[in-house]
């Protein structure tokens, strides 16, 4: 089962979320070194509403920065930067992460 359990503070600096994911989709490391389903803590490092979100995936030591800026036709441009140990980052990770974020936004827009 995949899911996010935010803490009571929601999307606020210092909040800690529990994320459950299928480690088998995480490339070599996820496939061979982790249990099939894993839970880790994600700390909200910084939030600037409508501009920036920084998260720390504590178990992997990966920091993700999501920047938002206005684009044409009322759209929003999203930029993602990842920092962390090289063996935890794969070339496809940013693309997969942005694809999942896009799908989540589309789902929310349909509600």
Protein backbone atom coordinates (compact mmCIF):
# COMPACT_ATOMS: atom_id res chain seq x y z
CA UNK A 1 0.00 0.00 0.00
CA UNK A 2 1.27 3.44 -0.89
CA UNK A 3 0.38 6.47 1.13
CA UNK A 4 1.30 9.58 3.06
CA UNK A 5 0.33 10.20 6.66
CA UNK A 6 1.00 13.89 7.38
CA UNK A 7 1.42 15.01 10.95
CA UNK A 8 -1.12 17.35 12.52
CA UNK A 9 0.74 20.46 11.32
CA UNK A 10 0.14 19.56 7.67
CA UNK A 11 2.39 21.32 5.19
CA UNK A 12 4.28 23.49 7.66
CA UNK A 13 7.96 23.91 8.46
CA UNK A 14 9.07 21.24 10.92
CA UNK A 15 6.19 18.87 10.14
CA UNK A 16 7.12 15.20 9.80
CA UNK A 17 5.18 12.89 7.52
CA UNK A 18 5.26 9.11 7.25
CA UNK A 19 5.47 7.89 3.65
CA UNK A 20 4.84 4.26 2.73
CA UNK A 21 6.02 3.15 -0.69
CA UNK A 22 6.81 0.08 -2.72
CA UNK A 23 10.62 -0.10 -2.56
CA UNK A 24 10.69 -2.42 -5.58
CA UNK A 25 10.09 0.59 -7.83
CA UNK A 26 13.17 2.39 -6.49
CA UNK A 27 15.78 0.89 -8.81
CA UNK A 28 18.68 -1.31 -7.76
CA UNK A 29 18.86 -0.19 -4.13
CA UNK A 30 15.13 -0.48 -3.57
CA UNK A 31 14.92 -3.86 -5.23
CA UNK A 32 17.78 -5.63 -3.52
CA UNK A 33 18.45 -3.88 -0.23
CA UNK A 34 15.01 -3.01 1.16
CA UNK A 35 11.83 -4.77 2.13
CA UNK A 36 9.15 -4.77 -0.61
CA UNK A 37 7.22 -2.10 1.29
CA UNK A 38 9.01 0.53 3.30
CA UNK A 39 8.04 3.51 5.45
CA UNK A 40 10.21 6.52 6.02
CA UNK A 41 9.96 9.97 7.56
CA UNK A 42 9.77 13.04 5.36
CA UNK A 43 10.52 16.34 7.12
CA UNK A 44 9.18 19.62 5.78
CA UNK A 45 12.23 21.89 5.75
CA UNK A 46 10.83 25.06 4.18
CA UNK A 47 7.54 26.27 2.75
CA UNK A 48 6.89 29.47 0.81
CA UNK A 49 3.29 29.28 -0.31
CA UNK A 50 2.96 29.22 -4.09
CA UNK A 51 6.75 29.43 -4.55
CA UNK A 52 8.87 26.80 -2.82
CA UNK A 53 8.73 23.52 -0.93
CA UNK A 54 11.81 21.76 0.49
CA UNK A 55 11.54 18.24 1.91
CA UNK A 56 14.08 15.92 3.51
CA UNK A 57 13.58 12.18 2.98
CA UNK A 58 15.34 11.17 6.19
CA UNK A 59 15.83 7.47 5.47
CA UNK A 60 17.54 8.13 2.14
CA UNK A 61 19.26 11.40 3.01
CA UNK A 62 17.69 13.02 -0.07
CA UNK A 63 16.61 16.65 -0.03
CA UNK A 64 14.02 17.66 -2.62
CA UNK A 65 13.34 21.25 -3.60
CA UNK A 66 10.21 22.05 -5.61
CA UNK A 67 10.02 25.55 -7.10
CA UNK A 68 6.86 26.96 -8.67
CA UNK A 69 6.61 29.91 -11.05
CA UNK A 70 3.88 31.28 -13.30
CA UNK A 71 3.91 30.13 -16.92
CA UNK A 72 1.81 31.11 -19.94
CA UNK A 73 -1.93 30.46 -20.23
CA UNK A 74 -2.47 30.32 -16.46
CA UNK A 75 -0.23 27.27 -16.07
CA UNK A 76 2.49 26.77 -13.47
CA UNK A 77 6.07 25.73 -14.19
CA UNK A 78 7.50 23.24 -11.69
CA UNK A 79 11.23 22.75 -11.18
CA UNK A 80 12.59 19.92 -9.07
CA UNK A 81 16.11 19.66 -7.65
CA UNK A 82 17.33 16.62 -5.72
CA UNK A 83 20.43 16.37 -3.57
CA UNK A 84 21.67 13.29 -1.77
CA UNK A 85 24.00 10.32 -1.89
CA UNK A 86 24.71 9.34 -5.50
CA UNK A 87 23.79 5.69 -4.93
CA UNK A 88 20.28 6.78 -3.81
CA UNK A 89 19.63 8.96 -6.86
CA UNK A 90 18.84 7.50 -10.25
CA UNK A 91 18.60 9.35 -13.55
CA UNK A 92 14.90 8.55 -13.78
CA UNK A 93 14.00 9.67 -10.23
CA UNK A 94 13.29 13.37 -11.04
CA UNK A 95 11.18 12.44 -14.07
CA UNK A 96 9.18 9.86 -12.09
CA UNK A 97 8.69 12.30 -9.19
CA UNK A 98 7.44 15.09 -11.47
CA UNK A 99 5.18 12.66 -13.31
CA UNK A 100 3.61 11.57 -10.01
CA UNK A 101 3.22 15.20 -8.90
CA UNK A 102 1.52 16.02 -12.22
CA UNK A 103 -0.87 13.07 -11.83
CA UNK A 104 -1.69 14.15 -8.28
CA UNK A 105 -2.44 17.70 -9.44
CA UNK A 106 -4.67 16.41 -12.25
CA UNK A 107 -6.58 14.26 -9.78
CA UNK A 108 -7.10 17.25 -7.47
CA UNK A 109 -8.24 19.42 -10.40
CA UNK A 110 -10.90 16.86 -11.30
CA UNK A 111 -12.45 16.89 -7.82
